[in-house]
Amino acid sequence: MASEFEYESVLCVKPDVNVYRIPPRASNRGYRAADWKLDTPDWTGRMRVTAKGKVAYIKLEDKISGELFAQAPVEEYPGIAVETVSDSSRYFVIRIQDDNGRSAFIGVGFGDRGDSFDFNVALQDHFKWVKQDNEISKQSQAPDSTPKLDLGFKEGQTITLNIGQTKKKEKPRPQGTGGFGLLPPPPGGKIAPPPSSVSSNHNTQSVTGSGNTGCLLELDSNNSNSLIQSNPSSDLWGDFSTPASSQQPAQQASTTNWVQF
């Protein structure tokens, strides 16, 4: 039974419904609306279907005042509280009860098939919800008999994790001797090698270089009018030795046209 603290919700309201006194059931074949006096209903009013908890209530009320004419509590559907007739979808047999617990069976009918369909669906939806709620309650109360998976560590059990260490990317070293990059080429394009011999005046004298850099060119002892390379087989930009004949006083080196490096 519904608790007095539960609120009442409205499932369906139909403004026009007819009520009939029906004869006792003659056999087990069910009720037939053709046996009723359909042209002269015994009462006409409004039907309101409500729900309080898991129990639905079919209330027959006056259209104007809303006074209750009869009420049928429904605890299951389909069931004895609401039955369909065998010859029509617009008529039903319901069991009404009073406050003293006395009950009687009456016939109700709708003038439109849409109204009877809405009445039928409202009861079906309510008791579908009741069935689901009962199943959830049984599952919550029943003990969980399914085996549980034990993922905990046993005594003395260990686990090893292999975490790969990422290697740092090595920066590419610049190409060149000694780890330094190549110097950019001088402006003007390619570097031309020094000439093997160049014409000069008779009064040209050799430059006396320092001990670290040396002189790139020297005078030929056989011909004072030409300059030759001191070491043809070595690198053009390498170190050169200064012949003894080219040694001059430091005062003469400052008066020549050659620039000392």
C-alpha atoms as a PDB file:
ATOM      1  CA  MET A   1       0.000   0.000   0.000  1.00  0.00           C
ATOM      2  CA  ALA A   2       1.049   3.559  -0.553  1.00  0.00           C
ATOM      3  CA  SER A   3       2.454   5.591   2.295  1.00  0.00           C
ATOM      4  CA  GLU A   4       0.662   8.757   3.389  1.00  0.00           C
ATOM      5  CA  PHE A   5       3.909  10.693   3.070  1.00  0.00           C
ATOM      6  CA  GLU A   6       4.262   9.958  -0.673  1.00  0.00           C
ATOM      7  CA  TYR A   7       3.072  12.555  -3.128  1.00  0.00           C
ATOM      8  CA  GLU A   8       0.386  11.846  -5.717  1.00  0.00           C
ATOM      9  CA  SER A   9       1.160  12.343  -9.416  1.00  0.00           C
ATOM     10  CA  VAL A  10      -1.327  12.595 -12.271  1.00  0.00           C
ATOM     11  CA  LEU A  11      -0.880  10.027 -15.067  1.00  0.00           C
ATOM     12  CA  CYS A  12      -3.845  10.754 -17.292  1.00  0.00           C
ATOM     13  CA  VAL A  13      -7.033  12.903 -17.391  1.00  0.00           C
ATOM     14  CA  LYS A  14     -10.023  12.274 -19.677  1.00  0.00           C
ATOM     15  CA  PRO A  15     -12.938  14.740 -19.508  1.00  0.00           C
ATOM     16  CA  ASP A  16     -15.632  12.391 -20.840  1.00  0.00           C
ATOM     17  CA  VAL A  17     -16.234   8.861 -19.617  1.00  0.00           C
ATOM     18  CA  ASN A  18     -19.392   6.757 -19.347  1.00  0.00           C
ATOM     19  CA  VAL A  19     -20.143   4.376 -16.470  1.00  0.00           C
ATOM     20  CA  TYR A  20     -22.380   1.277 -16.801  1.00  0.00           C
ATOM     21  CA  ARG A  21     -23.878  -1.249 -14.427  1.00  0.00           C
ATOM     22  CA  ILE A  22     -22.876  -4.610 -15.783  1.00  0.00           C
ATOM     23  CA  PRO A  23     -24.487  -8.030 -15.259  1.00  0.00           C
ATOM     24  CA  PRO A  24     -22.542 -10.776 -13.500  1.00  0.00           C
ATOM     25  CA  ARG A  25     -20.092 -12.695 -15.625  1.00  0.00           C
ATOM     26  CA  ALA A  26     -21.927 -15.618 -17.134  1.00  0.00           C
ATOM     27  CA  SER A  27     -18.912 -17.738 -18.124  1.00  0.00           C
ATOM     28  CA  ASN A  28     -15.130 -17.731 -18.305  1.00  0.00           C
ATOM     29  CA  ARG A  29     -15.143 -16.206 -21.770  1.00  0.00           C
ATOM     30  CA  GLY A  30     -14.832 -12.659 -20.339  1.00  0.00           C
ATOM     31  CA  TYR A  31     -16.915  -9.528 -20.444  1.00  0.00           C
ATOM     32  CA  ARG A  32     -18.705  -8.285 -23.559  1.00  0.00           C
ATOM     33  CA  ALA A  33     -19.702  -4.629 -24.041  1.00  0.00           C
ATOM     34  CA  ALA A  34     -22.604  -5.729 -26.255  1.00  0.00           C
ATOM     35  CA  ASP A  35     -24.372  -7.067 -23.134  1.00  0.00           C
ATOM     36  CA  TRP A  36     -24.463  -3.565 -21.619  1.00  0.00           C
ATOM     37  CA  LYS A  37     -26.979  -0.813 -22.298  1.00  0.00           C
ATOM     38  CA  LEU A  38     -24.477   1.371 -24.183  1.00  0.00           C
ATOM     39  CA  ASP A  39     -27.074   3.948 -25.257  1.00  0.00           C
ATOM     40  CA  THR A  40     -28.116   4.728 -21.684  1.00  0.00           C
ATOM     41  CA  PRO A  41     -25.062   5.046 -19.413  1.00  0.00           C
ATOM     42  CA  ASP A  42     -25.765   5.105 -15.663  1.00  0.00           C
ATOM     43  CA  TRP A  43     -23.319   7.953 -14.963  1.00  0.00           C
ATOM     44  CA  THR A  44     -21.212  10.386 -17.015  1.00  0.00           C
ATOM     45  CA  GLY A  45     -18.292  12.377 -15.750  1.00  0.00           C
ATOM     46  CA  ARG A  46     -14.493  12.824 -15.760  1.00  0.00           C
ATOM     47  CA  MET A  47     -11.770  10.204 -15.272  1.00  0.00           C
ATOM     48  CA  ARG A  48      -8.466  11.065 -13.566  1.00  0.00           C
ATOM     49  CA  VAL A  49      -5.706   8.466 -13.249  1.00  0.00           C
ATOM     50  CA  THR A  50      -3.154   9.167 -10.502  1.00  0.00           C
ATOM     51  CA  ALA A  51      -0.265   7.326  -8.861  1.00  0.00           C
ATOM     52  CA  LYS A  52       0.848   7.377  -5.249  1.00  0.00           C
ATOM     53  CA  GLY A  53       3.966   5.332  -4.751  1.00  0.00           C
ATOM     54  CA  LYS A  54       3.553   2.056  -6.637  1.00  0.00           C
ATOM     55  CA  VAL A  55      -0.269   2.065  -6.581  1.00  0.00           C
ATOM     56  CA  ALA A  56      -2.345   3.666  -9.353  1.00  0.00           C
ATOM     57  CA  TYR A  57      -5.817   5.068  -8.748  1.00  0.00           C
ATOM     58  CA  ILE A  58      -8.676   5.414 -11.248  1.00  0.00           C
ATOM     59  CA  LYS A  59     -10.872   8.230  -9.981  1.00  0.00           C
ATOM     60  CA  LEU A  60     -14.306   9.029 -11.403  1.00  0.00           C
ATOM     61  CA  GLU A  61     -15.168  12.663 -10.609  1.00  0.00           C
ATOM     62  CA  ASP A  62     -17.899  15.155 -11.370  1.00  0.00           C
ATOM     63  CA  LYS A  63     -17.036  17.366 -14.348  1.00  0.00           C
ATOM     64  CA  ILE A  64     -18.017  20.636 -12.629  1.00  0.00           C
ATOM     65  CA  SER A  65     -17.460  20.227  -8.900  1.00  0.00           C
ATOM     66  CA  GLY A  66     -14.749  17.566  -9.000  1.00  0.00           C
ATOM     67  CA  GLU A  67     -16.582  15.525  -6.360  1.00  0.00           C
ATOM     68  CA  LEU A  68     -15.428  11.917  -6.203  1.00  0.00           C
ATOM     69  CA  PHE A  69     -18.016   9.436  -7.458  1.00  0.00           C
ATOM     70  CA  ALA A  70     -15.976   6.202  -7.238  1.00  0.00           C
ATOM     71  CA  GLN A  71     -12.344   5.103  -6.994  1.00  0.00           C
ATOM     72  CA  ALA A  72     -10.538   1.959  -8.141  1.00  0.00           C
ATOM     73  CA  PRO A  73      -7.054   1.245  -6.697  1.00  0.00           C
ATOM     74  CA  VAL A  74      -4.816  -0.681  -9.107  1.00  0.00           C
ATOM     75  CA  GLU A  75      -1.822  -2.591  -7.751  1.00  0.00           C
ATOM     76  CA  GLU A  76      -0.991  -4.475 -10.960  1.00  0.00           C
ATOM     77  CA  TYR A  77      -1.870  -4.248 -14.644  1.00  0.00           C
ATOM     78  CA  PRO A  78      -3.164  -6.233 -16.341  1.00  0.00           C
ATOM     79  CA  GLY A  79      -4.988  -7.733 -13.368  1.00  0.00           C
ATOM     80  CA  ILE A  80      -8.314  -8.123 -11.661  1.00  0.00           C
ATOM     81  CA  ALA A  81      -8.626  -4.389 -10.946  1.00  0.00           C
ATOM     82  CA  VAL A  82      -8.781  -3.466 -14.662  1.00  0.00           C
ATOM     83  CA  GLU A  83      -9.899  -5.848 -17.416  1.00  0.00           C
ATOM     84  CA  THR A  84     -10.609  -5.333 -21.092  1.00  0.00           C
ATOM     85  CA  VAL A  85     -13.732  -6.574 -22.832  1.00  0.00           C
ATOM     86  CA  SER A  86     -13.600  -9.138 -25.588  1.00  0.00           C
ATOM     87  CA  ASP A  87     -15.564  -7.265 -28.258  1.00  0.00           C
ATOM     88  CA  SER A  88     -14.244  -3.658 -28.116  1.00  0.00           C
ATOM     89  CA  SER A  89     -11.109  -1.640 -27.294  1.00  0.00           C
ATOM     90  CA  ARG A  90     -13.071   1.368 -25.931  1.00  0.00           C
ATOM     91  CA  TYR A  91     -14.600  -0.377 -22.910  1.00  0.00           C
ATOM     92  CA  PHE A  92     -13.109  -1.728 -19.684  1.00  0.00           C
ATOM     93  CA  VAL A  93     -14.310  -3.355 -16.464  1.00  0.00           C
ATOM     94  CA  ILE A  94     -12.839  -1.877 -13.257  1.00  0.00           C
ATOM     95  CA  ARG A  95     -13.192  -2.880  -9.606  1.00  0.00           C
ATOM     96  CA  ILE A  96     -14.129   0.058  -7.399  1.00  0.00           C
ATOM     97  CA  GLN A  97     -13.686   0.121  -3.603  1.00  0.00           C
ATOM     98  CA  ASP A  98     -15.007   2.321  -0.847  1.00  0.00           C
ATOM     99  CA  ASP A  99     -13.378   3.322   2.442  1.00  0.00           C
ATOM    100  CA  ASN A 100     -14.873   0.300   4.194  1.00  0.00           C
ATOM    101  CA  GLY A 101     -13.202  -2.114   1.779  1.00  0.00           C
ATOM    102  CA  ARG A 102     -16.361  -3.078  -0.110  1.00  0.00           C
ATOM    103  CA  SER A 103     -15.861  -3.593  -3.849  1.00  0.00           C
ATOM    104  CA  ALA A 104     -17.998  -3.776  -6.989  1.00  0.00           C
ATOM    105  CA  PHE A 105     -17.386  -4.201 -10.717  1.00  0.00           C
ATOM    106  CA  ILE A 106     -18.565  -1.521 -13.144  1.00  0.00           C
ATOM    107  CA  GLY A 107     -18.074  -0.882 -16.808  1.00  0.00           C
ATOM    108  CA  VAL A 108     -16.452   2.292 -18.211  1.00  0.00           C
ATOM    109  CA  GLY A 109     -16.265   3.387 -21.816  1.00  0.00           C
ATOM    110  CA  PHE A 110     -14.828   6.198 -23.950  1.00  0.00           C
ATOM    111  CA  GLY A 111     -16.441   7.766 -26.968  1.00  0.00           C
ATOM    112  CA  ASP A 112     -13.065   8.038 -28.812  1.00  0.00           C
ATOM    113  CA  ARG A 113     -10.521   5.268 -29.343  1.00  0.00           C
ATOM    114  CA  GLY A 114      -7.672   7.735 -28.727  1.00  0.00           C
ATOM    115  CA  ASP A 115      -8.888   8.285 -25.155  1.00  0.00           C
ATOM    116  CA  SER A 116      -8.990   4.560 -24.451  1.00  0.00           C
ATOM    117  CA  PHE A 117      -5.488   4.196 -25.911  1.00  0.00           C
ATOM    118  CA  ASP A 118      -4.113   6.957 -23.629  1.00  0.00           C
ATOM    119  CA  PHE A 119      -5.756   5.327 -20.594  1.00  0.00           C
ATOM    120  CA  ASN A 120      -4.213   1.953 -21.434  1.00  0.00           C
ATOM    121  CA  VAL A 121      -0.691   3.392 -22.060  1.00  0.00           C
ATOM    122  CA  ALA A 122      -0.732   5.425 -18.830  1.00  0.00           C
ATOM    123  CA  LEU A 123      -1.304   2.281 -16.774  1.00  0.00           C
ATOM    124  CA  GLN A 124       1.287   0.270 -18.742  1.00  0.00           C
ATOM    125  CA  ASP A 125       4.023   2.899 -18.287  1.00  0.00           C
ATOM    126  CA  HIS A 126       3.407   3.187 -14.566  1.00  0.00           C
ATOM    127  CA  PHE A 127       3.640  -0.519 -13.867  1.00  0.00           C
ATOM    128  CA  LYS A 128       6.651  -0.875 -16.135  1.00  0.00           C
ATOM    129  CA  TRP A 129       8.385   1.589 -13.842  1.00  0.00           C
ATOM    130  CA  VAL A 130       7.170  -0.390 -10.801  1.00  0.00           C
ATOM    131  CA  LYS A 131       8.681  -3.587 -12.209  1.00  0.00           C
ATOM    132  CA  GLN A 132      12.059  -1.947 -12.832  1.00  0.00           C
ATOM    133  CA  ASP A 133      12.085  -0.427  -9.352  1.00  0.00           C
ATOM    134  CA  ASN A 134      11.374  -3.822  -7.780  1.00  0.00           C
ATOM    135  CA  GLU A 135      14.254  -5.424  -9.684  1.00  0.00           C
ATOM    136  CA  ILE A 136      16.662  -2.714  -8.576  1.00  0.00           C
ATOM    137  CA  SER A 137      15.576  -3.168  -4.961  1.00  0.00           C
ATOM    138  CA  LYS A 138      16.127  -6.947  -5.149  1.00  0.00           C
ATOM    139  CA  GLN A 139      19.603  -6.516  -6.611  1.00  0.00           C
ATOM    140  CA  SER A 140      20.622  -4.034  -3.927  1.00  0.00           C
ATOM    141  CA  GLN A 141      19.419  -6.309  -1.121  1.00  0.00           C
ATOM    142  CA  ALA A 142      20.817  -9.566  -2.511  1.00  0.00           C
ATOM    143  CA  PRO A 143      24.422 -10.357  -1.498  1.00  0.00           C
ATOM    144  CA  ASP A 144      27.021 -10.217  -4.217  1.00  0.00           C
ATOM    145  CA  SER A 145      27.923 -13.858  -4.934  1.00  0.00           C
ATOM    146  CA  THR A 146      30.178 -13.194  -7.934  1.00  0.00           C
ATOM    147  CA  PRO A 147      33.867 -13.995  -7.351  1.00  0.00           C
ATOM    148  CA  LYS A 148      35.984 -10.947  -6.827  1.00  0.00           C
ATOM    149  CA  LEU A 149      39.294 -10.491  -8.593  1.00  0.00           C
ATOM    150  CA  ASP A 150      42.159 -10.091  -6.137  1.00  0.00           C
ATOM    151  CA  LEU A 151      44.724  -7.711  -7.605  1.00  0.00           C
ATOM    152  CA  GLY A 152      46.675  -7.115  -4.385  1.00  0.00           C
ATOM    153  CA  PHE A 153      50.298  -8.151  -3.839  1.00  0.00           C
ATOM    154  CA  LYS A 154      50.905 -11.360  -1.937  1.00  0.00           C
ATOM    155  CA  GLU A 155      53.459 -11.560   0.850  1.00  0.00           C
ATOM    156  CA  GLY A 156      56.969 -11.463  -0.595  1.00  0.00           C
ATOM    157  CA  GLN A 157      55.744 -10.701  -4.099  1.00  0.00           C
ATOM    158  CA  THR A 158      57.611  -8.009  -5.986  1.00  0.00           C
ATOM    159  CA  ILE A 159      57.281  -6.360  -9.340  1.00  0.00           C
ATOM    160  CA  THR A 160      59.983  -5.052 -11.664  1.00  0.00           C
ATOM    161  CA  LEU A 161      59.478  -2.063 -13.914  1.00  0.00           C
ATOM    162  CA  ASN A 162      61.772  -1.416 -16.850  1.00  0.00           C
ATOM    163  CA  ILE A 163      61.594   2.253 -17.612  1.00  0.00           C
ATOM    164  CA  GLY A 164      63.493   3.137 -20.766  1.00  0.00           C
ATOM    165  CA  GLN A 165      65.742   6.167 -20.506  1.00  0.00           C
ATOM    166  CA  THR A 166      65.572   8.498 -23.410  1.00  0.00           C
ATOM    167  CA  LYS A 167      68.895   9.448 -24.927  1.00  0.00           C
ATOM    168  CA  LYS A 168      69.696  13.068 -25.417  1.00  0.00           C
ATOM    169  CA  LYS A 169      70.119  14.082 -28.988  1.00  0.00           C
ATOM    170  CA  GLU A 170      73.689  15.049 -29.712  1.00  0.00           C
ATOM    171  CA  LYS A 171      74.134  18.301 -31.500  1.00  0.00           C
ATOM    172  CA  PRO A 172      76.039  17.893 -34.785  1.00  0.00           C
ATOM    173  CA  ARG A 173      79.552  19.190 -34.555  1.00  0.00           C
ATOM    174  CA  PRO A 174      80.641  21.750 -37.150  1.00  0.00           C
ATOM    175  CA  GLN A 175      82.972  20.358 -39.779  1.00  0.00           C
ATOM    176  CA  GLY A 176      86.469  21.654 -39.915  1.00  0.00           C
ATOM    177  CA  THR A 177      89.844  21.326 -38.239  1.00  0.00           C
ATOM    178  CA  GLY A 178      89.947  21.553 -34.474  1.00  0.00           C
ATOM    179  CA  GLY A 179      86.190  21.637 -34.044  1.00  0.00           C
ATOM    180  CA  PHE A 180      85.776  25.086 -35.563  1.00  0.00           C
ATOM    181  CA  GLY A 181      83.645  25.857 -38.545  1.00  0.00           C
ATOM    182  CA  LEU A 182      85.049  26.834 -41.876  1.00  0.00           C
ATOM    183  CA  LEU A 183      85.670  30.506 -42.345  1.00  0.00           C
ATOM    184  CA  PRO A 184      83.497  32.155 -44.941  1.00  0.00           C
ATOM    185  CA  PRO A 185      85.118  32.927 -48.274  1.00  0.00           C
ATOM    186  CA  PRO A 186      86.457  36.450 -48.710  1.00  0.00           C
ATOM    187  CA  PRO A 187      84.410  38.898 -50.702  1.00  0.00           C
ATOM    188  CA  GLY A 188      85.191  38.823 -54.366  1.00  0.00           C
ATOM    189  CA  GLY A 189      84.933  35.109 -55.053  1.00  0.00           C
ATOM    190  CA  LYS A 190      87.766  32.553 -55.208  1.00  0.00           C
ATOM    191  CA  ILE A 191      91.274  33.079 -53.806  1.00  0.00           C
ATOM    192  CA  ALA A 192      93.840  33.172 -56.597  1.00  0.00           C
ATOM    193  CA  PRO A 193      97.203  31.541 -55.882  1.00  0.00           C
ATOM    194  CA  PRO A 194     100.281  33.826 -55.935  1.00  0.00           C
ATOM    195  CA  PRO A 195     102.095  34.006 -59.277  1.00  0.00           C
ATOM    196  CA  SER A 196     105.214  31.886 -59.666  1.00  0.00           C
ATOM    197  CA  SER A 197     107.124  34.782 -61.115  1.00  0.00           C
ATOM    198  CA  VAL A 198     106.367  38.458 -61.469  1.00  0.00           C
ATOM    199  CA  SER A 199     108.268  41.255 -63.206  1.00  0.00           C
ATOM    200  CA  SER A 200     109.707  43.998 -61.055  1.00  0.00           C
ATOM    201  CA  ASN A 201     112.141  46.890 -61.291  1.00  0.00           C
ATOM    202  CA  HIS A 202     115.890  46.381 -60.808  1.00  0.00           C
ATOM    203  CA  ASN A 203     115.837  48.309 -57.605  1.00  0.00           C
ATOM    204  CA  THR A 204     113.212  45.993 -55.943  1.00  0.00           C
ATOM    205  CA  GLN A 205     114.477  44.544 -52.731  1.00  0.00           C
ATOM    206  CA  SER A 206     113.180  41.664 -50.639  1.00  0.00           C
ATOM    207  CA  VAL A 207     111.206  42.232 -47.487  1.00  0.00           C
ATOM    208  CA  THR A 208     112.702  41.124 -44.272  1.00  0.00           C
ATOM    209  CA  GLY A 209     109.869  39.414 -42.382  1.00  0.00           C
ATOM    210  CA  SER A 210     109.557  38.495 -38.783  1.00  0.00           C
ATOM    211  CA  GLY A 211     110.485  35.107 -37.495  1.00  0.00           C
ATOM    212  CA  ASN A 212     106.831  34.021 -37.144  1.00  0.00           C
ATOM    213  CA  THR A 213     105.305  34.943 -40.505  1.00  0.00           C
ATOM    214  CA  GLY A 214     108.207  35.051 -42.971  1.00  0.00           C
ATOM    215  CA  CYS A 215     108.174  36.409 -46.499  1.00  0.00           C
ATOM    216  CA  LEU A 216     106.027  34.756 -49.109  1.00  0.00           C
ATOM    217  CA  LEU A 217     108.294  35.644 -52.020  1.00  0.00           C
ATOM    218  CA  GLU A 218     112.083  35.957 -52.393  1.00  0.00           C
ATOM    219  CA  LEU A 219     114.558  37.206 -54.976  1.00  0.00           C
ATOM    220  CA  ASP A 220     116.422  34.813 -57.175  1.00  0.00           C
ATOM    221  CA  SER A 221     120.150  35.057 -56.610  1.00  0.00           C
ATOM    222  CA  ASN A 222     120.821  34.456 -60.298  1.00  0.00           C
ATOM    223  CA  ASN A 223     118.374  36.978 -61.684  1.00  0.00           C
ATOM    224  CA  SER A 224     117.664  40.194 -59.817  1.00  0.00           C
ATOM    225  CA  ASN A 225     114.835  41.147 -62.174  1.00  0.00           C
ATOM    226  CA  SER A 226     112.416  38.379 -61.198  1.00  0.00           C
ATOM    227  CA  LEU A 227     110.723  36.960 -58.127  1.00  0.00           C
ATOM    228  CA  ILE A 228     110.428  33.198 -57.708  1.00  0.00           C
ATOM    229  CA  GLN A 229     108.740  30.923 -55.264  1.00  0.00           C
ATOM    230  CA  SER A 230     111.117  29.635 -52.654  1.00  0.00           C
ATOM    231  CA  ASN A 231     109.504  26.206 -52.277  1.00  0.00           C
ATOM    232  CA  PRO A 232     107.312  25.157 -55.231  1.00  0.00           C
ATOM    233  CA  SER A 233     106.469  21.771 -53.779  1.00  0.00           C
ATOM    234  CA  SER A 234     104.975  23.156 -50.541  1.00  0.00           C
ATOM    235  CA  ASP A 235     101.594  24.766 -49.949  1.00  0.00           C
ATOM    236  CA  LEU A 236     101.189  28.140 -51.605  1.00  0.00           C
ATOM    237  CA  TRP A 237     100.029  29.594 -48.319  1.00  0.00           C
ATOM    238  CA  GLY A 238     102.557  27.804 -46.098  1.00  0.00           C
ATOM    239  CA  ASP A 239     105.728  29.070 -44.418  1.00  0.00           C
ATOM    240  CA  PHE A 240     108.685  30.091 -46.621  1.00  0.00           C
ATOM    241  CA  SER A 241     112.333  30.380 -45.740  1.00  0.00           C
ATOM    242  CA  THR A 242     114.265  33.570 -46.361  1.00  0.00           C
ATOM    243  CA  PRO A 243     117.523  33.145 -48.295  1.00  0.00           C
ATOM    244  CA  ALA A 244     120.697  34.705 -46.946  1.00  0.00           C
ATOM    245  CA  SER A 245     121.120  36.951 -49.982  1.00  0.00           C
ATOM    246  CA  SER A 246     117.790  38.642 -49.260  1.00  0.00           C
ATOM    247  CA  GLN A 247     118.757  39.739 -45.768  1.00  0.00           C
ATOM    248  CA  GLN A 248     118.947  43.532 -45.688  1.00  0.00           C
ATOM    249  CA  PRO A 249     119.131  46.025 -42.938  1.00  0.00           C
ATOM    250  CA  ALA A 250     115.920  46.966 -41.296  1.00  0.00           C
ATOM    251  CA  GLN A 251     116.276  50.512 -42.551  1.00  0.00           C
ATOM    252  CA  GLN A 252     116.092  49.309 -46.181  1.00  0.00           C
ATOM    253  CA  ALA A 253     112.969  47.186 -45.539  1.00  0.00           C
ATOM    254  CA  SER A 254     111.018  50.222 -44.491  1.00  0.00           C
ATOM    255  CA  THR A 255     111.789  52.033 -47.763  1.00  0.00           C
ATOM    256  CA  THR A 256     110.538  49.276 -50.095  1.00  0.00           C
ATOM    257  CA  ASN A 257     107.115  49.035 -51.717  1.00  0.00           C
ATOM    258  CA  TRP A 258     106.247  45.777 -49.945  1.00  0.00           C
ATOM    259  CA  VAL A 259     104.043  45.791 -46.902  1.00  0.00           C
ATOM    260  CA  GLN A 260     105.165  43.660 -43.988  1.00  0.00           C
ATOM    261  CA  PHE A 261     102.594  41.215 -42.498  1.00  0.00           C
END
